[in-house]
Amino acid sequence: MCGDQADVIVWDLIAASELVDAGEVNIGNKCLSLRLRQHITKVQSVSFSPYDTYISTLGGEDDNAVVVWDARTGTALCGSPAGPDSALCMTWLHGRDDRFVTAGYYNLRVWQLDASLPKLHYMDAKIGAVRRVFK
């Protein structure tokens, strides 16, 4: 169904474990920490920044957008088209809460988050005439 929004749900696993240990059966809504809704029909990838400050999400081919969220409040900070063609995956750089990478069909981008504005800046990797699908 074109136009339906896809949710990213973040659960509190410590609370879930405590509820299960206490014998609770229906724990779903009691352990829901965040519900992030921005992408159309599909979420392709989700990644937490190294220090759990941010969550980045990558939409499917219908919107092909990357969005950065505040991990404590679930507020969308900024977003941008992920690339000239469909992006398939993303990950934050080791030890950096301000940089992540998206990759996919013939594109590889390094992103920098300017949290003070908030705004995303990207730099395309120079892969020359080589055509690759990055997974």
N, C-alpha and C. Protein backbone atom coordinates (compact mmCIF):
# COMPACT_ATOMS: atom_id res chain seq x y z
N MET A 1 0.84 -1.18 0.00
CA MET A 1 0.00 0.00 0.00
C MET A 1 0.88 1.24 0.00
N CYS A 2 0.90 1.91 -1.09
CA CYS A 2 1.71 3.10 -1.21
C CYS A 2 1.20 4.20 -0.28
N GLY A 3 2.10 4.85 0.43
CA GLY A 3 1.71 5.95 1.30
C GLY A 3 1.61 5.59 2.77
N ASP A 4 1.59 4.29 3.10
CA ASP A 4 1.55 3.91 4.51
C ASP A 4 2.88 4.22 5.16
N GLN A 5 2.83 4.68 6.41
CA GLN A 5 4.07 4.98 7.10
C GLN A 5 4.57 3.75 7.86
N ALA A 6 5.88 3.61 7.90
CA ALA A 6 6.52 2.51 8.60
C ALA A 6 7.09 3.03 9.92
N ASP A 7 6.87 2.29 10.98
CA ASP A 7 7.34 2.68 12.31
C ASP A 7 8.67 2.01 12.64
N VAL A 8 9.47 2.72 13.41
CA VAL A 8 10.63 2.14 14.08
C VAL A 8 10.26 2.13 15.55
N ILE A 9 10.30 0.96 16.17
CA ILE A 9 9.91 0.83 17.57
C ILE A 9 11.14 0.48 18.40
N VAL A 10 11.37 1.25 19.44
CA VAL A 10 12.48 1.01 20.36
C VAL A 10 11.89 0.53 21.67
N TRP A 11 12.35 -0.64 22.10
CA TRP A 11 11.84 -1.26 23.32
C TRP A 11 12.82 -1.08 24.47
N ASP A 12 12.29 -1.00 25.68
CA ASP A 12 13.10 -0.98 26.89
C ASP A 12 13.24 -2.44 27.34
N LEU A 13 14.35 -3.07 27.01
CA LEU A 13 14.53 -4.49 27.28
C LEU A 13 14.76 -4.79 28.76
N ILE A 14 15.28 -3.83 29.50
CA ILE A 14 15.45 -4.04 30.95
C ILE A 14 14.08 -4.12 31.61
N ALA A 15 13.19 -3.19 31.27
CA ALA A 15 11.82 -3.23 31.80
C ALA A 15 11.11 -4.49 31.37
N ALA A 16 11.31 -4.92 30.13
CA ALA A 16 10.68 -6.14 29.63
C ALA A 16 11.15 -7.35 30.43
N SER A 17 12.44 -7.43 30.68
CA SER A 17 12.98 -8.54 31.45
C SER A 17 12.41 -8.58 32.87
N GLU A 18 12.31 -7.40 33.49
CA GLU A 18 11.75 -7.33 34.84
C GLU A 18 10.28 -7.74 34.87
N LEU A 19 9.52 -7.34 33.86
CA LEU A 19 8.11 -7.71 33.78
C LEU A 19 7.93 -9.21 33.55
N VAL A 20 8.76 -9.78 32.71
CA VAL A 20 8.70 -11.22 32.46
C VAL A 20 9.06 -11.98 33.73
N ASP A 21 10.10 -11.53 34.44
CA ASP A 21 10.49 -12.16 35.70
C ASP A 21 9.39 -12.08 36.74
N ALA A 22 8.58 -11.00 36.68
CA ALA A 22 7.48 -10.83 37.62
C ALA A 22 6.23 -11.61 37.20
N GLY A 23 6.29 -12.28 36.04
CA GLY A 23 5.17 -13.10 35.61
C GLY A 23 4.16 -12.40 34.71
N GLU A 24 4.46 -11.18 34.28
CA GLU A 24 3.57 -10.46 33.36
C GLU A 24 3.53 -11.19 32.02
N VAL A 25 2.37 -11.15 31.37
CA VAL A 25 2.21 -11.82 30.09
C VAL A 25 2.18 -10.81 28.94
N ASN A 26 1.31 -9.83 29.01
CA ASN A 26 1.18 -8.83 27.96
C ASN A 26 2.03 -7.61 28.32
N ILE A 27 3.27 -7.60 27.84
CA ILE A 27 4.20 -6.54 28.24
C ILE A 27 4.46 -5.51 27.15
N GLY A 28 3.91 -5.71 25.96
CA GLY A 28 4.22 -4.88 24.80
C GLY A 28 4.21 -3.38 25.05
N ASN A 29 3.06 -2.81 25.38
CA ASN A 29 2.97 -1.36 25.55
C ASN A 29 3.68 -0.87 26.80
N LYS A 30 3.88 -1.74 27.77
CA LYS A 30 4.56 -1.34 29.00
C LYS A 30 6.06 -1.15 28.78
N CYS A 31 6.59 -1.74 27.71
CA CYS A 31 8.03 -1.69 27.44
C CYS A 31 8.38 -0.82 26.24
N LEU A 32 7.38 -0.20 25.64
CA LEU A 32 7.62 0.65 24.48
C LEU A 32 8.33 1.92 24.92
N SER A 33 9.51 2.14 24.39
CA SER A 33 10.28 3.31 24.76
C SER A 33 10.05 4.45 23.77
N LEU A 34 10.17 4.17 22.46
CA LEU A 34 9.98 5.18 21.42
C LEU A 34 9.28 4.56 20.21
N ARG A 35 8.47 5.35 19.55
CA ARG A 35 7.89 4.98 18.26
C ARG A 35 8.23 6.11 17.29
N LEU A 36 9.09 5.81 16.33
CA LEU A 36 9.56 6.80 15.37
C LEU A 36 8.83 6.59 14.05
N ARG A 37 8.19 7.63 13.55
CA ARG A 37 7.40 7.50 12.32
C ARG A 37 7.76 8.63 11.37
N GLN A 38 8.38 8.26 10.25
CA GLN A 38 8.76 9.26 9.26
C GLN A 38 8.79 8.68 7.85
N HIS A 39 9.14 7.41 7.72
CA HIS A 39 9.38 6.83 6.41
C HIS A 39 8.11 6.24 5.80
N ILE A 40 8.10 6.20 4.47
CA ILE A 40 6.96 5.69 3.72
C ILE A 40 7.16 4.20 3.41
N THR A 41 6.23 3.38 3.79
CA THR A 41 6.10 1.94 3.52
C THR A 41 7.20 1.04 4.07
N LYS A 42 8.44 1.50 4.22
CA LYS A 42 9.51 0.60 4.62
C LYS A 42 10.65 1.34 5.31
N VAL A 43 11.23 0.68 6.31
CA VAL A 43 12.47 1.16 6.92
C VAL A 43 13.55 0.16 6.52
N GLN A 44 14.54 0.65 5.79
CA GLN A 44 15.59 -0.21 5.23
C GLN A 44 16.65 -0.55 6.27
N SER A 45 16.99 0.44 7.13
CA SER A 45 18.08 0.25 8.09
C SER A 45 17.89 1.17 9.28
N VAL A 46 18.34 0.70 10.45
CA VAL A 46 18.32 1.48 11.69
C VAL A 46 19.69 1.34 12.34
N SER A 47 20.22 2.44 12.85
CA SER A 47 21.54 2.38 13.47
C SER A 47 21.59 3.35 14.66
N PHE A 48 22.15 2.89 15.77
CA PHE A 48 22.34 3.72 16.95
C PHE A 48 23.76 4.30 16.92
N SER A 49 23.88 5.56 17.29
CA SER A 49 25.22 6.16 17.35
C SER A 49 26.01 5.48 18.47
N PRO A 50 27.35 5.55 18.41
CA PRO A 50 28.19 4.82 19.37
C PRO A 50 27.88 5.10 20.84
N TYR A 51 27.46 6.32 21.17
CA TYR A 51 27.19 6.65 22.56
C TYR A 51 25.70 6.78 22.83
N ASP A 52 24.88 6.18 21.94
CA ASP A 52 23.42 6.14 22.08
C ASP A 52 22.77 7.52 22.18
N THR A 53 23.39 8.51 21.58
CA THR A 53 22.84 9.86 21.57
C THR A 53 21.80 10.00 20.47
N TYR A 54 22.05 9.36 19.33
CA TYR A 54 21.18 9.49 18.15
C TYR A 54 20.80 8.13 17.60
N ILE A 55 19.69 8.13 16.88
CA ILE A 55 19.27 6.98 16.09
C ILE A 55 19.13 7.48 14.67
N SER A 56 19.69 6.76 13.72
CA SER A 56 19.50 7.13 12.32
C SER A 56 18.68 6.03 11.66
N THR A 57 17.77 6.45 10.79
CA THR A 57 16.93 5.51 10.07
C THR A 57 17.03 5.80 8.58
N LEU A 58 16.91 4.76 7.80
CA LEU A 58 16.99 4.86 6.36
C LEU A 58 15.73 4.26 5.77
N GLY A 59 14.99 5.06 5.03
CA GLY A 59 13.77 4.59 4.41
C GLY A 59 14.05 3.70 3.21
N GLY A 60 13.03 2.99 2.78
CA GLY A 60 13.14 2.12 1.62
C GLY A 60 13.16 2.92 0.32
N GLU A 61 13.02 2.22 -0.78
CA GLU A 61 13.14 2.87 -2.09
C GLU A 61 12.03 3.87 -2.36
N ASP A 62 10.91 3.79 -1.65
CA ASP A 62 9.82 4.75 -1.86
C ASP A 62 10.18 6.16 -1.42
N ASP A 63 10.96 6.28 -0.33
CA ASP A 63 11.35 7.64 0.07
C ASP A 63 12.86 7.85 0.08
N ASN A 64 13.65 6.79 0.21
CA ASN A 64 15.11 6.85 0.15
C ASN A 64 15.67 8.03 0.95
N ALA A 65 15.15 8.22 2.14
CA ALA A 65 15.58 9.33 2.99
C ALA A 65 16.28 8.81 4.23
N VAL A 66 17.24 9.59 4.72
CA VAL A 66 17.89 9.30 5.99
C VAL A 66 17.39 10.35 6.99
N VAL A 67 17.06 9.89 8.21
CA VAL A 67 16.58 10.77 9.27
C VAL A 67 17.39 10.49 10.52
N VAL A 68 17.80 11.55 11.22
CA VAL A 68 18.50 11.41 12.49
C VAL A 68 17.57 11.86 13.60
N TRP A 69 17.46 11.04 14.63
CA TRP A 69 16.54 11.25 15.75
C TRP A 69 17.32 11.42 17.05
N ASP A 70 16.76 12.17 17.98
CA ASP A 70 17.29 12.23 19.35
C ASP A 70 16.87 10.94 20.03
N ALA A 71 17.82 10.17 20.51
CA ALA A 71 17.53 8.85 21.07
C ALA A 71 16.79 8.91 22.41
N ARG A 72 16.85 10.03 23.11
CA ARG A 72 16.15 10.13 24.40
C ARG A 72 14.70 10.53 24.22
N THR A 73 14.44 11.44 23.30
CA THR A 73 13.08 11.98 23.16
C THR A 73 12.32 11.43 21.96
N GLY A 74 13.04 10.89 20.98
CA GLY A 74 12.38 10.41 19.77
C GLY A 74 12.03 11.53 18.81
N THR A 75 12.60 12.71 18.99
CA THR A 75 12.35 13.84 18.11
C THR A 75 13.23 13.74 16.87
N ALA A 76 12.62 13.91 15.70
CA ALA A 76 13.39 13.94 14.45
C ALA A 76 14.18 15.24 14.41
N LEU A 77 15.50 15.14 14.29
CA LEU A 77 16.35 16.33 14.28
C LEU A 77 16.54 16.87 12.87
N CYS A 78 16.82 15.99 11.91
CA CYS A 78 17.03 16.42 10.54
C CYS A 78 16.98 15.22 9.61
N GLY A 79 16.86 15.49 8.34
CA GLY A 79 16.80 14.43 7.36
C GLY A 79 17.22 14.93 6.00
N SER A 80 17.45 13.99 5.08
CA SER A 80 17.90 14.34 3.75
C SER A 80 17.73 13.13 2.83
N PRO A 81 17.62 13.36 1.52
CA PRO A 81 17.66 12.22 0.60
C PRO A 81 18.98 11.47 0.78
N ALA A 82 18.92 10.14 0.78
CA ALA A 82 20.10 9.34 1.10
C ALA A 82 21.10 9.24 -0.04
N GLY A 83 20.66 9.46 -1.26
CA GLY A 83 21.60 9.36 -2.36
C GLY A 83 20.89 9.49 -3.69
N PRO A 84 21.68 9.51 -4.77
CA PRO A 84 21.09 9.63 -6.10
C PRO A 84 20.34 8.37 -6.53
N ASP A 85 20.64 7.24 -5.92
CA ASP A 85 19.93 5.99 -6.17
C ASP A 85 19.64 5.37 -4.82
N SER A 86 18.93 4.27 -4.77
CA SER A 86 18.51 3.67 -3.50
C SER A 86 19.68 3.31 -2.60
N ALA A 87 19.58 3.72 -1.35
CA ALA A 87 20.55 3.32 -0.33
C ALA A 87 20.02 2.05 0.34
N LEU A 88 20.92 1.17 0.75
CA LEU A 88 20.52 -0.11 1.32
C LEU A 88 20.91 -0.28 2.78
N CYS A 89 21.95 0.43 3.22
CA CYS A 89 22.44 0.21 4.58
C CYS A 89 23.10 1.47 5.11
N MET A 90 23.30 1.49 6.41
CA MET A 90 23.97 2.61 7.06
C MET A 90 24.59 2.14 8.37
N THR A 91 25.60 2.86 8.79
CA THR A 91 26.20 2.61 10.10
C THR A 91 26.95 3.85 10.56
N TRP A 92 27.02 4.04 11.87
CA TRP A 92 27.78 5.15 12.44
C TRP A 92 29.24 4.76 12.48
N LEU A 93 30.11 5.75 12.36
CA LEU A 93 31.55 5.49 12.47
C LEU A 93 31.90 5.18 13.92
N HIS A 94 32.86 4.31 14.09
CA HIS A 94 33.28 3.89 15.43
C HIS A 94 33.74 5.08 16.26
N GLY A 95 33.13 5.25 17.43
CA GLY A 95 33.53 6.31 18.35
C GLY A 95 33.14 7.71 17.94
N ARG A 96 32.28 7.88 16.92
CA ARG A 96 31.90 9.21 16.45
C ARG A 96 30.38 9.34 16.48
N ASP A 97 29.88 10.24 17.29
CA ASP A 97 28.45 10.51 17.36
C ASP A 97 28.02 11.56 16.33
N ASP A 98 28.95 11.97 15.47
CA ASP A 98 28.62 13.00 14.49
C ASP A 98 28.80 12.55 13.04
N ARG A 99 29.19 11.28 12.82
CA ARG A 99 29.42 10.82 11.45
C ARG A 99 28.89 9.41 11.23
N PHE A 100 28.26 9.23 10.07
CA PHE A 100 27.81 7.91 9.67
C PHE A 100 27.92 7.76 8.16
N VAL A 101 27.72 6.54 7.68
CA VAL A 101 27.87 6.22 6.27
C VAL A 101 26.58 5.57 5.77
N THR A 102 26.15 5.95 4.56
CA THR A 102 25.09 5.23 3.87
C THR A 102 25.67 4.67 2.58
N ALA A 103 25.13 3.54 2.15
CA ALA A 103 25.63 2.89 0.94
C ALA A 103 24.50 2.14 0.27
N GLY A 104 24.63 1.96 -1.03
CA GLY A 104 23.58 1.24 -1.76
C GLY A 104 23.94 1.09 -3.22
N TYR A 105 22.94 1.27 -4.08
CA TYR A 105 23.12 1.12 -5.52
C TYR A 105 23.96 2.27 -6.07
N TYR A 106 25.21 2.00 -6.32
CA TYR A 106 26.13 2.93 -6.98
C TYR A 106 26.35 4.22 -6.19
N ASN A 107 26.17 4.16 -4.87
CA ASN A 107 26.46 5.34 -4.05
C ASN A 107 27.02 4.95 -2.70
N LEU A 108 27.93 5.76 -2.23
CA LEU A 108 28.55 5.60 -0.92
C LEU A 108 28.78 7.00 -0.38
N ARG A 109 28.08 7.34 0.71
CA ARG A 109 28.16 8.69 1.27
C ARG A 109 28.59 8.67 2.72
N VAL A 110 29.42 9.63 3.07
CA VAL A 110 29.79 9.86 4.46
C VAL A 110 29.04 11.12 4.90
N TRP A 111 28.34 11.02 6.00
CA TRP A 111 27.50 12.11 6.50
C TRP A 111 28.09 12.69 7.77
N GLN A 112 27.96 14.00 7.93
CA GLN A 112 28.35 14.66 9.16
C GLN A 112 27.13 15.36 9.72
N LEU A 113 26.84 15.09 10.98
CA LEU A 113 25.72 15.71 11.68
C LEU A 113 26.21 16.95 12.41
N ASP A 114 25.61 18.08 12.10
CA ASP A 114 25.87 19.30 12.84
C ASP A 114 24.68 19.47 13.79
N ALA A 115 24.81 18.98 15.00
CA ALA A 115 23.70 18.95 15.96
C ALA A 115 23.31 20.33 16.44
N SER A 116 24.18 21.32 16.32
CA SER A 116 23.85 22.66 16.80
C SER A 116 22.82 23.34 15.90
N LEU A 117 22.74 22.96 14.62
CA LEU A 117 21.79 23.62 13.72
C LEU A 117 20.38 23.03 13.74
N PRO A 118 20.03 21.83 13.78
CA PRO A 118 20.70 20.61 13.32
C PRO A 118 20.59 20.47 11.80
N LYS A 119 21.66 19.94 11.22
CA LYS A 119 21.72 19.80 9.78
C LYS A 119 22.68 18.67 9.40
N LEU A 120 22.41 18.04 8.27
CA LEU A 120 23.27 16.99 7.76
C LEU A 120 24.05 17.51 6.55
N HIS A 121 25.34 17.17 6.52
CA HIS A 121 26.19 17.46 5.37
C HIS A 121 26.76 16.13 4.89
N TYR A 122 26.89 15.97 3.59
CA TYR A 122 27.43 14.71 3.08
C TYR A 122 28.55 14.95 2.09
N MET A 123 29.36 13.88 1.93
CA MET A 123 30.40 13.87 0.92
C MET A 123 30.32 12.51 0.22
N ASP A 124 30.15 12.54 -1.09
CA ASP A 124 30.13 11.30 -1.86
C ASP A 124 31.54 10.73 -1.98
N ALA A 125 31.65 9.42 -1.77
CA ALA A 125 32.94 8.76 -1.99
C ALA A 125 33.23 8.73 -3.48
N LYS A 126 34.47 8.95 -3.83
CA LYS A 126 34.86 8.93 -5.24
C LYS A 126 35.20 7.50 -5.63
N ILE A 127 34.29 6.89 -6.37
CA ILE A 127 34.49 5.50 -6.78
C ILE A 127 34.75 5.39 -8.28
N GLY A 128 34.87 6.55 -8.93
CA GLY A 128 35.23 6.59 -10.34
C GLY A 128 34.20 5.90 -11.23
N ALA A 129 34.69 5.21 -12.23
CA ALA A 129 33.82 4.54 -13.19
C ALA A 129 33.35 3.17 -12.69
N VAL A 130 33.85 2.76 -11.54
CA VAL A 130 33.46 1.47 -10.99
C VAL A 130 32.00 1.55 -10.51
N ARG A 131 31.17 0.60 -10.96
CA ARG A 131 29.77 0.59 -10.55
C ARG A 131 29.58 -0.58 -9.60
N ARG A 132 29.24 -0.28 -8.37
CA ARG A 132 29.09 -1.30 -7.33
C ARG A 132 27.76 -1.11 -6.61
N VAL A 133 27.22 -2.23 -6.12
CA VAL A 133 26.09 -2.19 -5.22
C VAL A 133 26.64 -2.54 -3.85
N PHE A 134 26.61 -1.56 -2.95
CA PHE A 134 27.16 -1.75 -1.60
C PHE A 134 26.07 -2.28 -0.68
N LYS A 135 26.37 -3.37 -0.02
CA LYS A 135 25.41 -3.97 0.91
C LYS A 135 25.98 -4.00 2.30
